[in-house]
C-alpha atoms as a PDB file:
ATOM      1  CA  MET A   1     -11.161-101.035 176.000  1.00  0.00           C
ATOM      2  CA  GLU A   2     -10.662-102.799 172.800  1.00  0.00           C
ATOM      3  CA  THR A   3     -12.940-105.305 171.163  1.00  0.00           C
ATOM      4  CA  THR A   4     -13.511-107.679 167.996  1.00  0.00           C
ATOM      5  CA  ILE A   5     -16.093-106.881 165.185  1.00  0.00           C
ATOM      6  CA  GLN A   6     -17.528-109.414 162.908  1.00  0.00           C
ATOM      7  CA  VAL A   7     -17.650-108.287 159.014  1.00  0.00           C
ATOM      8  CA  SER A   8     -18.170-110.072 156.036  1.00  0.00           C
ATOM      9  CA  LYS A   9     -15.536-111.166 153.529  1.00  0.00           C
ATOM     10  CA  GLU A  10     -16.664-108.893 150.987  1.00  0.00           C
ATOM     11  CA  LEU A  11     -16.234-106.120 153.633  1.00  0.00           C
ATOM     12  CA  ARG A  12     -12.763-107.518 154.798  1.00  0.00           C
ATOM     13  CA  THR A  13     -11.717-107.428 151.042  1.00  0.00           C
ATOM     14  CA  GLU A  14     -12.835-103.679 150.690  1.00  0.00           C
ATOM     15  CA  LEU A  15     -10.934-102.631 153.897  1.00  0.00           C
ATOM     16  CA  GLN A  16      -7.824-104.738 152.578  1.00  0.00           C
ATOM     17  CA  ASN A  17      -8.104-102.974 149.156  1.00  0.00           C
ATOM     18  CA  ARG A  18      -7.927 -99.342 151.116  1.00  0.00           C
ATOM     19  CA  LYS A  19      -4.966-100.105 153.046  1.00  0.00           C
ATOM     20  CA  PHE A  20      -2.014 -97.818 152.103  1.00  0.00           C
ATOM     21  CA  SER A  21       0.305-100.590 153.194  1.00  0.00           C
ATOM     22  CA  THR A  22       0.080-104.093 154.492  1.00  0.00           C
ATOM     23  CA  LYS A  23       0.896-103.124 158.132  1.00  0.00           C
ATOM     24  CA  GLU A  24      -1.691-100.534 158.174  1.00  0.00           C
ATOM     25  CA  SER A  25      -4.394-101.871 160.526  1.00  0.00           C
ATOM     26  CA  TYR A  26      -8.092-102.041 159.728  1.00  0.00           C
ATOM     27  CA  GLU A  27      -9.063 -99.524 162.708  1.00  0.00           C
ATOM     28  CA  ASN A  28      -6.704 -96.809 160.558  1.00  0.00           C
ATOM     29  CA  VAL A  29      -8.645 -97.692 157.690  1.00  0.00           C
ATOM     30  CA  ILE A  30     -12.007 -97.384 159.591  1.00  0.00           C
ATOM     31  CA  TRP A  31     -11.068 -93.956 161.182  1.00  0.00           C
ATOM     32  CA  ASP A  32      -9.761 -92.688 157.650  1.00  0.00           C
ATOM     33  CA  LEU A  33     -13.137 -93.556 156.282  1.00  0.00           C
ATOM     34  CA  ILE A  34     -15.003 -91.841 159.251  1.00  0.00           C
ATOM     35  CA  GLU A  35     -12.405 -88.671 158.545  1.00  0.00           C
ATOM     36  CA  ASP A  36     -13.429 -88.314 154.912  1.00  0.00           C
ATOM     37  CA  THR A  37     -17.082 -88.097 155.718  1.00  0.00           C
ATOM     38  CA  ALA A  38     -17.003 -85.764 158.845  1.00  0.00           C
ATOM     39  CA  GLU A  39     -18.151 -82.218 158.193  1.00  0.00           C
ATOM     40  CA  LEU A  40     -15.618 -79.399 158.282  1.00  0.00           C
ATOM     41  CA  SER A  41     -15.704 -77.157 161.481  1.00  0.00           C
ATOM     42  CA  GLU A  42     -16.909 -73.629 160.905  1.00  0.00           C
ATOM     43  CA  GLU A  43     -13.200 -72.335 161.515  1.00  0.00           C
ATOM     44  CA  THR A  44     -12.098 -74.695 158.615  1.00  0.00           C
ATOM     45  CA  LYS A  45     -14.954 -73.643 156.268  1.00  0.00           C
ATOM     46  CA  ARG A  46     -13.766 -69.846 156.785  1.00  0.00           C
ATOM     47  CA  ASP A  47     -10.087 -70.660 156.552  1.00  0.00           C
ATOM     48  CA  ILE A  48     -11.221 -72.187 153.097  1.00  0.00           C
ATOM     49  CA  ALA A  49     -13.066 -69.220 151.969  1.00  0.00           C
ATOM     50  CA  GLU A  50     -10.376 -66.757 152.950  1.00  0.00           C
ATOM     51  CA  ALA A  51      -7.604 -68.780 151.220  1.00  0.00           C
ATOM     52  CA  ARG A  52     -10.129 -68.910 147.961  1.00  0.00           C
ATOM     53  CA  LYS A  53     -10.136 -65.097 148.288  1.00  0.00           C
ATOM     54  CA  GLU A  54      -6.426 -64.752 148.497  1.00  0.00           C
ATOM     55  CA  PHE A  55      -5.967 -66.862 145.656  1.00  0.00           C
ATOM     56  CA  LYS A  56      -8.593 -64.796 143.404  1.00  0.00           C
ATOM     57  CA  LYS A  57      -6.422 -61.848 144.445  1.00  0.00           C
ATOM     58  CA  GLY A  58      -3.156 -63.466 143.203  1.00  0.00           C
ATOM     59  CA  LYS A  59      -1.916 -63.919 146.591  1.00  0.00           C
ATOM     60  CA  PHE A  60       0.107 -67.121 146.295  1.00  0.00           C
ATOM     61  CA  LYS A  61       3.210 -68.496 145.338  1.00  0.00           C
ATOM     62  CA  SER A  62       3.675 -71.381 142.856  1.00  0.00           C
ATOM     63  CA  LEU A  63       5.566 -74.521 143.565  1.00  0.00           C
ATOM     64  CA  SER A  64       8.555 -73.514 141.445  1.00  0.00           C
ATOM     65  CA  GLN A  65       8.778 -70.229 143.257  1.00  0.00           C
ATOM     66  CA  VAL A  66       8.798 -72.004 146.495  1.00  0.00           C
ATOM     67  CA  LYS A  67      11.366 -74.750 145.240  1.00  0.00           C
ATOM     68  CA  LYS A  68      13.433 -71.349 143.957  1.00  0.00           C
ATOM     69  CA  GLU A  69      13.255 -69.590 147.360  1.00  0.00           C
ATOM     70  CA  LEU A  70      14.193 -72.636 149.194  1.00  0.00           C
ATOM     71  CA  GLY A  71      17.041 -73.638 146.978  1.00  0.00           C
ATOM     72  CA  LEU A  72      15.649 -77.053 145.821  1.00  0.00           C
END
């Protein structure tokens, strides 16, 4: 169900400033803000920890290496 909400001029201006494009809806802006403040899942936290371990062990490729492999 869709509904409307009332916001102050200041909040409307702030939401407008956070848009990536003029066609982006205020709903998308609000969802992005909610996502930015959401807690990471335990699986995501484990994946990040594993990636950090691999990085410390040198198990990574630089952007230039990947570009070279892809012929870019």
